[in-house]
Amino acid sequence: MGLFSFLTQEIAIDLGTANTIIIHHDKIVVDEPSIVAIDQTTGKLIAIGTRARQMHGKTHENIRTIRPLRDGVIADFNSAELMIRGMIKMINTKGRLITPSLKLVICIPSGSTEVEVRAVRDSSEHAGAREVYMIHEPMAAAIGIGIDVEAPEGSMVVDIGGGTTEIAVISLGGIVANRSIRIAGDDFTDDIREYMRHQHNIKIGERTAEAIKINVGSALPDLEEPPSDYMVRGPHQMTALPVEIPVSYQEIAHCLDKSISKVETAILNVLERTPPELYADIFKNGIYLAGGGALLRGLDKRLSDKTNIPVHIAEDPLHAVARGTGIALKNVDKFQFLLK
């Protein structure tokens, strides 16, 4: 810590499609849904994070809720900037005489194009950042899980977020083989909405579909400890009269099958492209799962059965990427070769 360290504020941001997590001084200080509510007439920010999420799907014509990120990348530049600015303000609750200059480390999907990387950098700079570093999500997840990324040993990380699933084989501080697919938590939610519409003739919103996924979401049709059925309420498609339907985890396992199969195919594709020596290391050490999707019941067993490789779920899968980004921020000089 230098003499003028108070003039620089160092922040690590996991800018996710579903949630944004900010780490400051090694602590998670902000963990909010990536959503903003904006006044249509004035264009001003009304709410951010949890408060905006409570409004989602329940607004009138003057208020619009926006999720600035889609498929892991910025889809709405203006609202992304408002969100980053607003969430950074959440940390600075105490009044300061001098506004410190910001030094940020942000994680980005490994399949990001130059344009997408530029959008993240521009949004961060517009939100007041002086220095912006970027790290690829699977690398940040590996560091957060506790893998020694610089070791001459192969490690495979599968990070299932809200917008993208990142699959990477890491060795000697670099990504050897990787794949970034846009099938993740949001697609699982959409599958559930579609299934409820077709199978039960009931219309449900994004928040209800998310609740179904959390309560009875499963990757396997037979679990050792099955969750009890979840009651869903909503209007019937044809009659618009209210209906109440119990949903079982077997139904959800069936409706998510197609999307999970695409994730399996992508994992096998990366394994195919992995050099044999690193493949042997992965076979010995196993595959590590991170991100919110890792919490889906039975997913580790399903992937393990498919690949014949042990699958481990990270200790705190939701925050693994954010923690890794925080460690990279603390050791910017050490991890300089990983940062863009």
Protein backbone atom coordinates (compact mmCIF):
# COMPACT_ATOMS: atom_id res chain seq x y z
CA MET A 1 0.00 0.00 0.00
CA GLY A 2 1.59 3.26 -1.14
CA LEU A 3 1.23 6.72 0.35
CA PHE A 4 -1.47 7.67 -2.14
CA SER A 5 -3.26 4.31 -2.17
CA PHE A 6 -6.43 5.98 -0.85
CA LEU A 7 -6.61 7.86 -4.16
CA THR A 8 -7.05 4.59 -6.07
CA GLN A 9 -9.92 2.21 -5.49
CA GLU A 10 -9.28 -1.35 -6.66
CA ILE A 11 -12.35 -3.37 -7.61
CA ALA A 12 -12.86 -6.81 -9.17
CA ILE A 13 -16.13 -7.28 -11.08
CA ASP A 14 -17.76 -10.48 -12.26
CA LEU A 15 -20.10 -8.90 -14.81
CA GLY A 16 -22.53 -11.76 -15.33
CA THR A 17 -25.67 -12.13 -17.44
CA ALA A 18 -27.69 -13.09 -14.36
CA ASN A 19 -25.73 -11.60 -11.43
CA THR A 20 -23.01 -9.01 -10.97
CA ILE A 21 -20.60 -9.53 -8.10
CA ILE A 22 -18.10 -6.91 -6.93
CA ILE A 23 -15.11 -7.67 -4.72
CA HIS A 24 -13.36 -4.90 -2.80
CA HIS A 25 -10.58 -5.53 -0.24
CA ASP A 26 -11.02 -9.32 -0.66
CA LYS A 27 -14.69 -9.16 0.37
CA ILE A 28 -17.84 -9.56 -1.71
CA VAL A 29 -19.41 -6.12 -1.26
CA VAL A 30 -22.06 -6.29 -3.99
CA ASP A 31 -23.95 -9.40 -5.15
CA GLU A 32 -26.95 -8.22 -7.15
CA PRO A 33 -28.99 -9.40 -10.16
CA SER A 34 -27.78 -7.78 -13.43
CA ILE A 35 -30.90 -5.76 -14.07
CA VAL A 36 -31.88 -2.09 -14.05
CA ALA A 37 -35.22 -0.26 -14.02
CA ILE A 38 -35.35 2.93 -16.09
CA ASP A 39 -37.96 5.70 -16.30
CA GLN A 40 -39.10 5.73 -19.95
CA THR A 41 -39.95 9.45 -19.98
CA THR A 42 -36.75 10.87 -18.44
CA GLY A 43 -34.31 8.00 -19.11
CA LYS A 44 -33.22 8.12 -15.46
CA LEU A 45 -32.30 5.11 -13.36
CA ILE A 46 -35.06 4.16 -10.89
CA ALA A 47 -33.71 0.95 -9.38
CA ILE A 48 -30.85 -1.47 -9.72
CA GLY A 49 -30.19 -5.09 -8.75
CA THR A 50 -32.64 -6.74 -6.34
CA ARG A 51 -35.11 -3.83 -6.34
CA ALA A 52 -35.19 -3.78 -10.16
CA ARG A 53 -35.62 -7.57 -10.21
CA GLN A 54 -38.70 -7.27 -7.98
CA MET A 55 -40.18 -4.94 -10.61
CA HIS A 56 -39.30 -7.28 -13.52
CA GLY A 57 -42.47 -8.41 -15.31
CA LYS A 58 -44.63 -6.17 -13.11
CA THR A 59 -44.03 -2.71 -14.58
CA HIS A 60 -46.38 -0.16 -16.16
CA GLU A 61 -45.66 1.69 -19.41
CA ASN A 62 -43.48 4.42 -17.82
CA ILE A 63 -41.02 1.98 -16.27
CA ARG A 64 -38.88 -0.47 -18.22
CA THR A 65 -36.70 -3.18 -16.72
CA ILE A 66 -33.62 -4.03 -18.77
CA ARG A 67 -31.06 -6.79 -18.48
CA PRO A 68 -28.02 -5.08 -20.03
CA LEU A 69 -26.20 -8.35 -20.73
CA ARG A 70 -27.32 -11.12 -23.03
CA ASP A 71 -25.33 -14.30 -23.68
CA GLY A 72 -22.49 -13.02 -21.52
CA VAL A 73 -21.94 -9.83 -23.52
CA ILE A 74 -23.24 -6.27 -23.32
CA ALA A 75 -26.44 -5.94 -25.33
CA ASP A 76 -27.51 -2.49 -24.09
CA PHE A 77 -24.55 -0.15 -23.78
CA ASN A 78 -26.32 2.70 -21.97
CA SER A 79 -28.00 0.58 -19.28
CA ALA A 80 -24.77 -1.44 -18.75
CA GLU A 81 -22.95 1.80 -17.98
CA LEU A 82 -25.72 2.91 -15.58
CA MET A 83 -25.62 -0.49 -13.88
CA ILE A 84 -21.82 -0.56 -13.43
CA ARG A 85 -21.84 3.04 -12.16
CA GLY A 86 -24.75 2.33 -9.77
CA MET A 87 -23.19 -0.83 -8.37
CA ILE A 88 -19.83 0.85 -7.79
CA LYS A 89 -21.73 3.60 -5.90
CA MET A 90 -23.13 0.89 -3.59
CA ILE A 91 -19.59 0.40 -2.23
CA ASN A 92 -18.95 4.09 -1.63
CA THR A 93 -21.68 4.65 0.91
CA LYS A 94 -19.51 6.92 3.10
CA GLY A 95 -19.09 10.46 1.87
CA ARG A 96 -15.61 11.12 0.49
CA LEU A 97 -13.99 14.47 -0.17
CA ILE A 98 -11.97 13.07 -3.07
CA THR A 99 -13.43 10.64 -5.58
CA PRO A 100 -10.78 7.92 -5.98
CA SER A 101 -9.68 6.80 -9.43
CA LEU A 102 -10.85 3.28 -10.21
CA LYS A 103 -8.73 0.29 -11.11
CA LEU A 104 -10.91 -2.57 -12.35
CA VAL A 105 -10.41 -6.21 -13.24
CA ILE A 106 -13.44 -7.55 -15.14
CA CYS A 107 -13.99 -11.08 -16.41
CA ILE A 108 -15.20 -11.73 -19.96
CA PRO A 109 -16.31 -14.90 -21.83
CA SER A 110 -13.41 -16.72 -23.49
CA GLY A 111 -15.20 -16.56 -26.85
CA SER A 112 -15.61 -12.76 -26.81
CA THR A 113 -14.94 -10.94 -30.06
CA GLU A 114 -12.87 -7.74 -30.22
CA VAL A 115 -16.08 -5.70 -30.48
CA GLU A 116 -17.55 -7.33 -27.34
CA VAL A 117 -14.31 -6.78 -25.39
CA ARG A 118 -14.31 -3.13 -26.51
CA ALA A 119 -17.93 -2.71 -25.31
CA VAL A 120 -16.97 -3.92 -21.79
CA ARG A 121 -13.89 -1.66 -21.73
CA ASP A 122 -15.86 1.39 -22.94
CA SER A 123 -18.70 0.83 -20.46
CA SER A 124 -16.18 0.55 -17.61
CA GLU A 125 -14.31 3.68 -18.68
CA HIS A 126 -17.57 5.64 -19.02
CA ALA A 127 -18.49 4.50 -15.51
CA GLY A 128 -15.32 6.19 -14.24
CA ALA A 129 -12.56 3.54 -14.42
CA ARG A 130 -9.02 4.80 -15.04
CA GLU A 131 -7.39 1.37 -15.47
CA VAL A 132 -9.31 -1.59 -16.87
CA TYR A 133 -7.93 -5.13 -17.01
CA MET A 134 -9.79 -8.17 -18.33
CA ILE A 135 -9.49 -11.84 -17.56
CA HIS A 136 -11.21 -14.77 -19.27
CA GLU A 137 -13.99 -16.35 -17.19
CA PRO A 138 -12.73 -19.97 -17.18
CA MET A 139 -9.28 -18.75 -16.08
CA ALA A 140 -10.85 -16.66 -13.29
CA ALA A 141 -12.99 -19.67 -12.27
CA ALA A 142 -9.89 -21.91 -12.12
CA ILE A 143 -8.04 -19.40 -9.91
CA GLY A 144 -11.17 -19.02 -7.71
CA ILE A 145 -11.54 -22.81 -7.31
CA GLY A 146 -7.93 -22.96 -6.11
CA ILE A 147 -6.29 -24.64 -9.13
CA ASP A 148 -2.62 -23.77 -9.68
CA VAL A 149 -3.05 -22.37 -13.20
CA GLU A 150 0.70 -21.96 -13.74
CA ALA A 151 1.49 -25.63 -13.07
CA PRO A 152 2.57 -27.83 -16.02
CA GLU A 153 -0.57 -29.88 -15.55
CA GLY A 154 -3.89 -29.97 -17.37
CA SER A 155 -7.06 -28.80 -15.57
CA MET A 156 -10.51 -28.64 -17.09
CA VAL A 157 -13.03 -26.07 -15.93
CA VAL A 158 -16.70 -25.89 -16.99
CA ASP A 159 -18.32 -22.60 -15.95
CA ILE A 160 -22.10 -22.64 -16.53
CA GLY A 161 -23.30 -19.08 -16.06
CA GLY A 162 -26.49 -17.29 -17.00
CA GLY A 163 -25.69 -16.51 -20.64
CA THR A 164 -22.75 -18.69 -21.61
CA THR A 165 -21.14 -22.00 -20.73
CA GLU A 166 -17.36 -21.69 -20.75
CA ILE A 167 -15.31 -24.87 -21.16
CA ALA A 168 -11.53 -24.62 -21.01
CA VAL A 169 -8.45 -26.78 -20.55
CA ILE A 170 -5.80 -24.79 -18.69
CA SER A 171 -2.08 -25.48 -18.40
CA LEU A 172 1.02 -23.32 -17.74
CA GLY A 173 -1.09 -20.19 -17.22
CA GLY A 174 -2.78 -20.38 -20.61
CA ILE A 175 -5.90 -21.81 -22.24
CA VAL A 176 -4.96 -24.83 -24.39
CA ALA A 177 -8.41 -25.72 -25.73
CA ASN A 178 -11.66 -23.93 -25.09
CA ARG A 179 -15.23 -23.53 -26.22
CA SER A 180 -17.78 -20.88 -25.29
CA ILE A 181 -21.37 -21.82 -26.07
CA ARG A 182 -24.46 -19.70 -25.60
CA ILE A 183 -26.43 -22.41 -23.85
CA ALA A 184 -26.64 -21.76 -20.12
CA GLY A 185 -28.95 -20.82 -17.25
CA ASP A 186 -31.13 -18.46 -19.31
CA ASP A 187 -31.75 -21.19 -21.89
CA PHE A 188 -32.75 -23.62 -19.13
CA THR A 189 -35.27 -20.99 -17.93
CA ASP A 190 -36.63 -20.53 -21.48
CA ASP A 191 -36.94 -24.33 -21.88
CA ILE A 192 -39.05 -24.47 -18.70
CA ARG A 193 -41.34 -21.65 -19.90
CA GLU A 194 -41.81 -23.36 -23.26
CA TYR A 195 -42.48 -26.74 -21.64
CA MET A 196 -45.12 -25.29 -19.27
CA ARG A 197 -46.84 -23.62 -22.24
CA HIS A 198 -46.89 -26.76 -24.38
CA GLN A 199 -47.42 -29.43 -21.76
CA HIS A 200 -49.67 -27.71 -19.22
CA ASN A 201 -51.18 -24.85 -21.24
CA ILE A 202 -50.07 -22.37 -18.59
CA LYS A 203 -48.34 -19.05 -19.18
CA ILE A 204 -45.49 -18.26 -16.78
CA GLY A 205 -42.98 -15.42 -16.57
CA GLU A 206 -39.22 -15.46 -16.28
CA ARG A 207 -39.23 -15.20 -12.48
CA THR A 208 -41.59 -18.19 -12.04
CA ALA A 209 -39.52 -20.29 -14.47
CA GLU A 210 -36.41 -19.37 -12.48
CA ALA A 211 -38.15 -20.42 -9.24
CA ILE A 212 -39.10 -23.79 -10.84
CA LYS A 213 -35.47 -24.29 -11.92
CA ILE A 214 -34.17 -23.56 -8.40
CA ASN A 215 -36.77 -25.68 -6.57
CA VAL A 216 -37.14 -28.73 -8.84
CA GLY A 217 -34.45 -28.29 -11.51
CA SER A 218 -32.67 -31.54 -12.29
CA ALA A 219 -30.38 -33.02 -14.93
CA LEU A 220 -31.39 -36.62 -14.15
CA PRO A 221 -34.88 -38.19 -14.08
CA ASP A 222 -34.03 -40.30 -11.01
CA LEU A 223 -32.31 -38.67 -8.06
CA GLU A 224 -31.33 -40.24 -4.73
CA GLU A 225 -32.79 -37.31 -2.76
CA PRO A 226 -35.66 -36.00 -4.90
CA PRO A 227 -37.13 -32.55 -4.14
CA SER A 228 -40.88 -32.33 -3.51
CA ASP A 229 -43.16 -31.05 -6.30
CA TYR A 230 -43.38 -27.30 -6.83
CA MET A 231 -46.77 -25.60 -7.18
CA VAL A 232 -47.07 -23.26 -10.17
CA ARG A 233 -49.89 -20.73 -10.48
CA GLY A 234 -50.81 -18.80 -13.60
CA PRO A 235 -53.40 -18.20 -16.33
CA HIS A 236 -54.56 -21.00 -18.64
CA GLN A 237 -53.58 -20.34 -22.26
CA MET A 238 -57.04 -20.87 -23.72
CA THR A 239 -59.45 -19.76 -21.01
CA ALA A 240 -57.26 -17.21 -19.14
CA LEU A 241 -58.71 -18.69 -15.92
CA PRO A 242 -56.31 -19.30 -13.02
CA VAL A 243 -54.77 -22.78 -12.74
CA GLU A 244 -52.50 -24.41 -10.19
CA ILE A 245 -50.23 -27.24 -11.30
CA PRO A 246 -47.69 -29.33 -9.36
CA VAL A 247 -44.39 -29.73 -11.27
CA SER A 248 -42.05 -32.63 -10.54
CA TYR A 249 -38.28 -32.77 -10.99
CA GLN A 250 -38.69 -35.63 -13.54
CA GLU A 251 -40.62 -33.28 -15.84
CA ILE A 252 -37.92 -30.61 -15.59
CA ALA A 253 -35.16 -33.20 -16.21
CA HIS A 254 -37.04 -34.19 -19.38
CA CYS A 255 -37.49 -30.60 -20.59
CA LEU A 256 -33.84 -29.61 -19.92
CA ASP A 257 -32.45 -32.73 -21.58
CA LYS A 258 -31.88 -31.13 -25.00
CA SER A 259 -29.93 -28.13 -23.67
CA ILE A 260 -27.81 -30.24 -21.30
CA SER A 261 -26.98 -32.59 -24.22
CA LYS A 262 -25.55 -29.57 -26.09
CA VAL A 263 -23.33 -28.79 -23.08
CA GLU A 264 -22.17 -32.44 -23.00
CA THR A 265 -21.34 -32.32 -26.73
CA ALA A 266 -19.29 -29.14 -26.23
CA ILE A 267 -17.34 -30.75 -23.34
CA LEU A 268 -16.58 -33.82 -25.48
CA ASN A 269 -15.53 -31.53 -28.33
CA VAL A 270 -12.98 -29.76 -26.08
CA LEU A 271 -11.72 -33.12 -24.74
CA GLU A 272 -11.21 -34.28 -28.34
CA ARG A 273 -8.95 -31.28 -29.00
CA THR A 274 -6.95 -31.74 -25.78
CA PRO A 275 -3.33 -32.98 -26.17
CA PRO A 276 -2.95 -36.55 -24.80
CA GLU A 277 -0.63 -35.61 -21.90
CA LEU A 278 -3.11 -33.02 -20.62
CA TYR A 279 -6.00 -35.44 -21.20
CA ALA A 280 -4.26 -37.90 -18.84
CA ASP A 281 -4.04 -35.16 -16.16
CA ILE A 282 -7.76 -34.34 -16.55
CA PHE A 283 -8.66 -38.03 -16.31
CA LYS A 284 -6.70 -38.19 -13.02
CA ASN A 285 -7.81 -34.86 -11.50
CA GLY A 286 -11.35 -34.66 -12.87
CA ILE A 287 -13.44 -31.85 -14.35
CA TYR A 288 -14.36 -28.84 -12.18
CA LEU A 289 -17.84 -27.30 -12.39
CA ALA A 290 -18.44 -23.65 -11.50
CA GLY A 291 -21.17 -21.05 -12.05
CA GLY A 292 -24.85 -21.14 -11.08
CA GLY A 293 -25.56 -24.02 -13.48
CA ALA A 294 -23.30 -26.27 -11.37
CA LEU A 295 -26.06 -26.22 -8.72
CA LEU A 296 -28.47 -28.11 -11.00
CA ARG A 297 -29.26 -31.39 -9.25
CA GLY A 298 -27.55 -34.46 -10.69
CA LEU A 299 -25.57 -32.50 -13.30
CA ASP A 300 -22.18 -33.68 -11.95
CA LYS A 301 -23.31 -37.33 -12.08
CA ARG A 302 -24.73 -36.96 -15.59
CA LEU A 303 -21.53 -35.38 -16.95
CA SER A 304 -19.40 -37.96 -15.15
CA ASP A 305 -21.42 -40.83 -16.70
CA LYS A 306 -21.11 -39.26 -20.14
CA THR A 307 -17.35 -38.59 -20.07
CA ASN A 308 -16.17 -41.37 -17.69
CA ILE A 309 -14.17 -38.68 -15.88
CA PRO A 310 -14.86 -37.67 -12.24
CA VAL A 311 -16.69 -34.32 -11.97
CA HIS A 312 -16.23 -32.04 -8.94
CA ILE A 313 -18.46 -29.10 -8.06
CA ALA A 314 -16.53 -26.04 -6.84
CA GLU A 315 -16.91 -25.21 -3.15
CA ASP A 316 -18.86 -22.00 -3.83
CA PRO A 317 -19.76 -22.29 -7.53
CA LEU A 318 -21.72 -19.01 -7.70
CA HIS A 319 -18.78 -16.94 -6.49
CA ALA A 320 -15.83 -18.93 -7.93
CA VAL A 321 -15.35 -16.59 -10.93
CA ALA A 322 -15.65 -13.47 -8.75
CA ARG A 323 -13.14 -14.80 -6.22
CA GLY A 324 -10.68 -15.65 -9.01
CA THR A 325 -11.10 -12.13 -10.44
CA GLY A 326 -10.41 -10.75 -6.93
CA ILE A 327 -7.21 -12.81 -6.63
CA ALA A 328 -6.09 -11.61 -10.09
CA LEU A 329 -6.70 -8.01 -8.96
CA LYS A 330 -4.56 -8.51 -5.83
CA ASN A 331 -1.75 -10.02 -7.90
CA VAL A 332 -1.97 -7.95 -11.09
CA ASP A 333 1.83 -8.12 -11.56
CA LYS A 334 1.96 -11.89 -11.06
CA PHE A 335 -0.97 -12.57 -13.40
CA GLN A 336 -0.09 -9.86 -15.93
CA PHE A 337 0.21 -12.52 -18.67
CA LEU A 338 -3.45 -13.52 -18.11
CA LEU A 339 -4.88 -10.02 -18.28
CA LYS A 340 -5.86 -8.19 -21.45
